Structures are given as structure tokens and as C-alpha cells.
């Protein structure tokens, strides 16, 4: 019985060391990235707005607008 308790304690010690190592690794990564989330979100927002502006300009241009209107007209006039 004493050997079983020793074996359980050894397994528990290994598990505790593993958990501590993972916490230390994640904690260091979190400290390295502190404050970066806001900058990353801001850059993503700027990129999304720029893409939206370019897309708006393309869609509202004469040629694309006429083509889109013709596609919608053909779809609405399609025989089923």
C-alpha cells in the first residue's frame, strides 16, 4: 500500500510540474503581447474600411453598375 501512495505522489508531482510549466509559458506569452490587441484591431478596422471604400467605388462606377443592373434584370426575367 505504501508503494501505491508513493507512486501516486510521484505522478501528482509530475502533473504539477507540467501544469506549472504550461502556466509559465502562457504567462510569458501574455506579458509579451500585452497592449498589442488594440493596435491589431485598429489596423484591421483601417484595412476593412479601406476595402469597403474601394469596393464602393468599384460598384458605383458606370460600367460595373450597368453590368450589375443587367445581371439583376436577366435574373428577374428568367423563365422557370
N, C-alpha and C. Protein backbone atom coordinates (compact mmCIF):
# COMPACT_ATOMS: atom_id res chain seq x y z
N UNK A 1 0.82 -1.19 0.00
CA UNK A 1 0.00 0.00 0.00
C UNK A 1 0.86 1.25 0.00
N UNK A 2 1.96 1.22 0.75
CA UNK A 2 2.85 2.38 0.83
C UNK A 2 3.46 2.70 -0.54
N UNK A 3 3.77 1.67 -1.31
CA UNK A 3 4.34 1.88 -2.65
C UNK A 3 3.31 2.52 -3.58
N UNK A 4 2.06 2.16 -3.44
CA UNK A 4 1.00 2.74 -4.26
C UNK A 4 0.86 4.23 -3.95
N UNK A 5 0.95 4.60 -2.68
CA UNK A 5 0.87 6.01 -2.29
C UNK A 5 2.06 6.78 -2.85
N UNK A 6 3.23 6.18 -2.78
CA UNK A 6 4.43 6.82 -3.33
C UNK A 6 4.29 7.01 -4.84
N UNK A 7 3.76 6.02 -5.52
CA UNK A 7 3.58 6.12 -6.97
C UNK A 7 2.59 7.22 -7.30
N UNK A 8 1.50 7.32 -6.54
CA UNK A 8 0.52 8.38 -6.78
C UNK A 8 1.13 9.76 -6.54
N UNK A 9 1.94 9.87 -5.50
CA UNK A 9 2.58 11.14 -5.21
C UNK A 9 3.56 11.52 -6.32
N UNK A 10 4.25 10.54 -6.87
CA UNK A 10 5.19 10.81 -7.96
C UNK A 10 4.44 11.28 -9.21
N UNK A 11 3.32 10.65 -9.52
CA UNK A 11 2.52 11.04 -10.67
C UNK A 11 1.97 12.45 -10.45
N UNK A 12 1.51 12.71 -9.24
CA UNK A 12 0.98 14.03 -8.93
C UNK A 12 2.07 15.09 -9.06
N UNK A 13 3.27 14.81 -8.62
CA UNK A 13 4.38 15.77 -8.72
C UNK A 13 4.70 16.07 -10.17
N UNK A 14 4.69 15.05 -11.02
CA UNK A 14 4.96 15.26 -12.45
C UNK A 14 3.86 16.11 -13.06
N UNK A 15 2.61 15.83 -12.70
CA UNK A 15 1.50 16.61 -13.25
C UNK A 15 1.57 18.06 -12.80
N UNK A 16 1.91 18.29 -11.55
CA UNK A 16 2.02 19.66 -11.05
C UNK A 16 3.13 20.41 -11.76
N UNK A 17 4.26 19.74 -11.99
CA UNK A 17 5.36 20.39 -12.72
C UNK A 17 4.94 20.74 -14.13
N UNK A 18 4.18 19.84 -14.78
CA UNK A 18 3.70 20.11 -16.14
C UNK A 18 2.75 21.29 -16.19
N UNK A 19 1.83 21.35 -15.24
CA UNK A 19 0.88 22.47 -15.18
C UNK A 19 1.63 23.78 -14.94
N UNK A 20 2.60 23.76 -14.04
CA UNK A 20 3.37 24.97 -13.77
C UNK A 20 4.15 25.42 -15.00
N UNK A 21 4.68 24.46 -15.76
CA UNK A 21 5.43 24.81 -16.97
C UNK A 21 4.52 25.45 -18.01
N UNK A 22 3.33 24.89 -18.17
CA UNK A 22 2.37 25.46 -19.14
C UNK A 22 1.95 26.85 -18.70
N UNK A 23 1.66 27.02 -17.42
CA UNK A 23 1.27 28.35 -16.93
C UNK A 23 2.39 29.36 -17.13
N UNK A 24 3.62 28.94 -16.88
CA UNK A 24 4.75 29.86 -17.05
C UNK A 24 4.91 30.25 -18.51
N UNK A 25 4.74 29.29 -19.41
CA UNK A 25 4.88 29.56 -20.83
C UNK A 25 3.77 30.51 -21.31
N UNK A 26 2.53 30.23 -20.94
CA UNK A 26 1.42 31.08 -21.36
C UNK A 26 1.50 32.45 -20.70
N UNK A 27 1.94 32.48 -19.46
CA UNK A 27 2.08 33.76 -18.77
C UNK A 27 3.11 34.65 -19.45
N UNK A 28 4.22 34.06 -19.87
CA UNK A 28 5.25 34.84 -20.57
C UNK A 28 4.74 35.34 -21.91
N UNK A 29 3.99 34.51 -22.61
CA UNK A 29 3.44 34.93 -23.90
C UNK A 29 2.44 36.06 -23.71
N UNK A 30 1.64 35.98 -22.67
CA UNK A 30 0.66 37.04 -22.41
C UNK A 30 1.36 38.34 -22.07
N UNK A 31 2.43 38.28 -21.32
CA UNK A 31 3.16 39.51 -20.98
C UNK A 31 3.83 40.11 -22.21
N UNK A 32 4.31 39.28 -23.12
CA UNK A 32 4.96 39.79 -24.32
C UNK A 32 3.96 40.51 -25.22
N UNK A 33 2.72 40.01 -25.28
CA UNK A 33 1.72 40.57 -26.19
C UNK A 33 0.84 41.63 -25.54
N UNK A 34 1.16 42.02 -24.33
CA UNK A 34 0.31 42.99 -23.63
C UNK A 34 0.23 44.29 -24.43
N UNK A 35 -0.99 44.77 -24.66
CA UNK A 35 -1.19 46.03 -25.35
C UNK A 35 -1.23 45.93 -26.86
N UNK A 36 -1.01 44.77 -27.41
CA UNK A 36 -0.99 44.62 -28.86
C UNK A 36 -2.39 44.44 -29.45
N UNK A 37 -3.33 43.97 -28.67
CA UNK A 37 -4.65 43.66 -29.22
C UNK A 37 -5.32 44.91 -29.78
N UNK A 38 -5.22 46.02 -29.08
CA UNK A 38 -5.87 47.25 -29.54
C UNK A 38 -5.27 47.71 -30.86
N UNK A 39 -3.95 47.66 -30.99
CA UNK A 39 -3.31 48.07 -32.23
C UNK A 39 -3.69 47.14 -33.38
N UNK A 40 -3.78 45.85 -33.10
CA UNK A 40 -4.16 44.90 -34.14
C UNK A 40 -5.60 45.14 -34.59
N UNK A 41 -6.49 45.38 -33.64
CA UNK A 41 -7.88 45.67 -34.01
C UNK A 41 -7.97 46.97 -34.81
N UNK A 42 -7.20 47.96 -34.44
CA UNK A 42 -7.22 49.24 -35.17
C UNK A 42 -6.74 49.04 -36.60
N UNK A 43 -5.68 48.28 -36.80
CA UNK A 43 -5.17 48.03 -38.15
C UNK A 43 -6.18 47.23 -38.96
N UNK A 44 -6.84 46.27 -38.34
CA UNK A 44 -7.87 45.51 -39.04
C UNK A 44 -9.04 46.39 -39.43
N UNK A 45 -9.42 47.30 -38.56
CA UNK A 45 -10.51 48.22 -38.87
C UNK A 45 -10.15 49.15 -40.02
N UNK A 46 -8.93 49.67 -40.01
CA UNK A 46 -8.47 50.54 -41.10
C UNK A 46 -8.48 49.78 -42.42
N UNK A 47 -7.99 48.54 -42.40
CA UNK A 47 -7.98 47.73 -43.63
C UNK A 47 -9.40 47.45 -44.11
N UNK A 48 -10.31 47.15 -43.21
CA UNK A 48 -11.70 46.87 -43.60
C UNK A 48 -12.36 48.11 -44.20
N UNK A 49 -12.12 49.26 -43.61
CA UNK A 49 -12.70 50.50 -44.14
C UNK A 49 -12.12 50.81 -45.51
N UNK A 50 -10.81 50.64 -45.67
CA UNK A 50 -10.18 50.88 -46.97
C UNK A 50 -10.75 49.94 -48.03
N UNK A 51 -10.93 48.68 -47.68
CA UNK A 51 -11.52 47.72 -48.62
C UNK A 51 -12.95 48.12 -48.96
N UNK A 52 -13.71 48.56 -47.98
CA UNK A 52 -15.09 48.97 -48.23
C UNK A 52 -15.15 50.18 -49.16
N UNK A 53 -14.23 51.11 -48.98
CA UNK A 53 -14.21 52.30 -49.84
C UNK A 53 -13.88 51.90 -51.28
N UNK A 54 -12.89 51.06 -51.44
CA UNK A 54 -12.52 50.61 -52.80
C UNK A 54 -13.68 49.84 -53.43
N UNK A 55 -14.31 48.96 -52.67
CA UNK A 55 -15.43 48.19 -53.19
C UNK A 55 -16.59 49.12 -53.57
N UNK A 56 -16.87 50.11 -52.76
CA UNK A 56 -17.93 51.07 -53.05
C UNK A 56 -17.64 51.83 -54.35
N UNK A 57 -16.39 52.25 -54.51
CA UNK A 57 -16.02 52.98 -55.73
C UNK A 57 -16.17 52.09 -56.97
N UNK A 58 -15.78 50.84 -56.85
CA UNK A 58 -15.88 49.92 -57.99
C UNK A 58 -17.34 49.64 -58.33
N UNK A 59 -18.15 49.38 -57.32
CA UNK A 59 -19.55 49.02 -57.57
C UNK A 59 -20.33 50.21 -58.11
N UNK A 60 -20.01 51.42 -57.68
CA UNK A 60 -20.76 52.58 -58.14
C UNK A 60 -20.20 53.17 -59.44
N UNK A 61 -19.16 52.57 -59.98
CA UNK A 61 -18.66 53.06 -61.27
C UNK A 61 -19.67 52.71 -62.35
N UNK A 62 -19.63 53.44 -63.44
CA UNK A 62 -20.63 53.29 -64.50
C UNK A 62 -20.70 51.91 -65.10
N UNK A 63 -19.55 51.36 -65.48
CA UNK A 63 -19.54 50.07 -66.17
C UNK A 63 -20.01 48.95 -65.25
N UNK A 64 -19.52 48.92 -64.04
CA UNK A 64 -19.90 47.85 -63.11
C UNK A 64 -21.38 47.99 -62.73
N UNK A 65 -21.83 49.20 -62.50
CA UNK A 65 -23.23 49.42 -62.14
C UNK A 65 -24.15 48.94 -63.27
N UNK A 66 -23.82 49.26 -64.50
CA UNK A 66 -24.63 48.81 -65.64
C UNK A 66 -24.63 47.30 -65.74
N UNK A 67 -23.49 46.68 -65.53
CA UNK A 67 -23.39 45.22 -65.60
C UNK A 67 -24.21 44.57 -64.50
N UNK A 68 -24.12 45.09 -63.28
CA UNK A 68 -24.90 44.54 -62.18
C UNK A 68 -26.40 44.68 -62.45
N UNK A 69 -26.80 45.81 -62.99
CA UNK A 69 -28.21 46.01 -63.32
C UNK A 69 -28.68 45.03 -64.38
N UNK A 70 -27.83 44.77 -65.37
CA UNK A 70 -28.22 43.81 -66.41
C UNK A 70 -28.30 42.39 -65.84
N UNK A 71 -27.43 42.05 -64.92
CA UNK A 71 -27.48 40.72 -64.30
C UNK A 71 -28.76 40.56 -63.51
N UNK A 72 -29.11 41.58 -62.72
CA UNK A 72 -30.34 41.51 -61.93
C UNK A 72 -31.56 41.45 -62.84
N UNK A 73 -31.53 42.21 -63.92
CA UNK A 73 -32.67 42.21 -64.85
C UNK A 73 -32.84 40.85 -65.50
N UNK A 74 -31.73 40.23 -65.94
CA UNK A 74 -31.81 38.91 -66.54
C UNK A 74 -32.32 37.88 -65.53
N UNK A 75 -31.89 38.02 -64.26
CA UNK A 75 -32.34 37.07 -63.23
C UNK A 75 -33.83 37.21 -62.97
N UNK A 76 -34.32 38.45 -62.99
CA UNK A 76 -35.74 38.66 -62.74
C UNK A 76 -36.62 38.27 -63.93
N UNK A 77 -36.05 38.35 -65.12
CA UNK A 77 -36.80 38.00 -66.33
C UNK A 77 -36.66 36.53 -66.71
N UNK A 78 -35.93 35.76 -65.95
CA UNK A 78 -35.66 34.35 -66.30
C UNK A 78 -36.96 33.53 -66.24
N UNK A 79 -37.08 32.63 -67.20
CA UNK A 79 -38.24 31.73 -67.25
C UNK A 79 -37.93 30.49 -66.41
N UNK A 80 -38.87 30.10 -65.60
CA UNK A 80 -38.68 28.93 -64.72
C UNK A 80 -39.33 27.73 -65.30
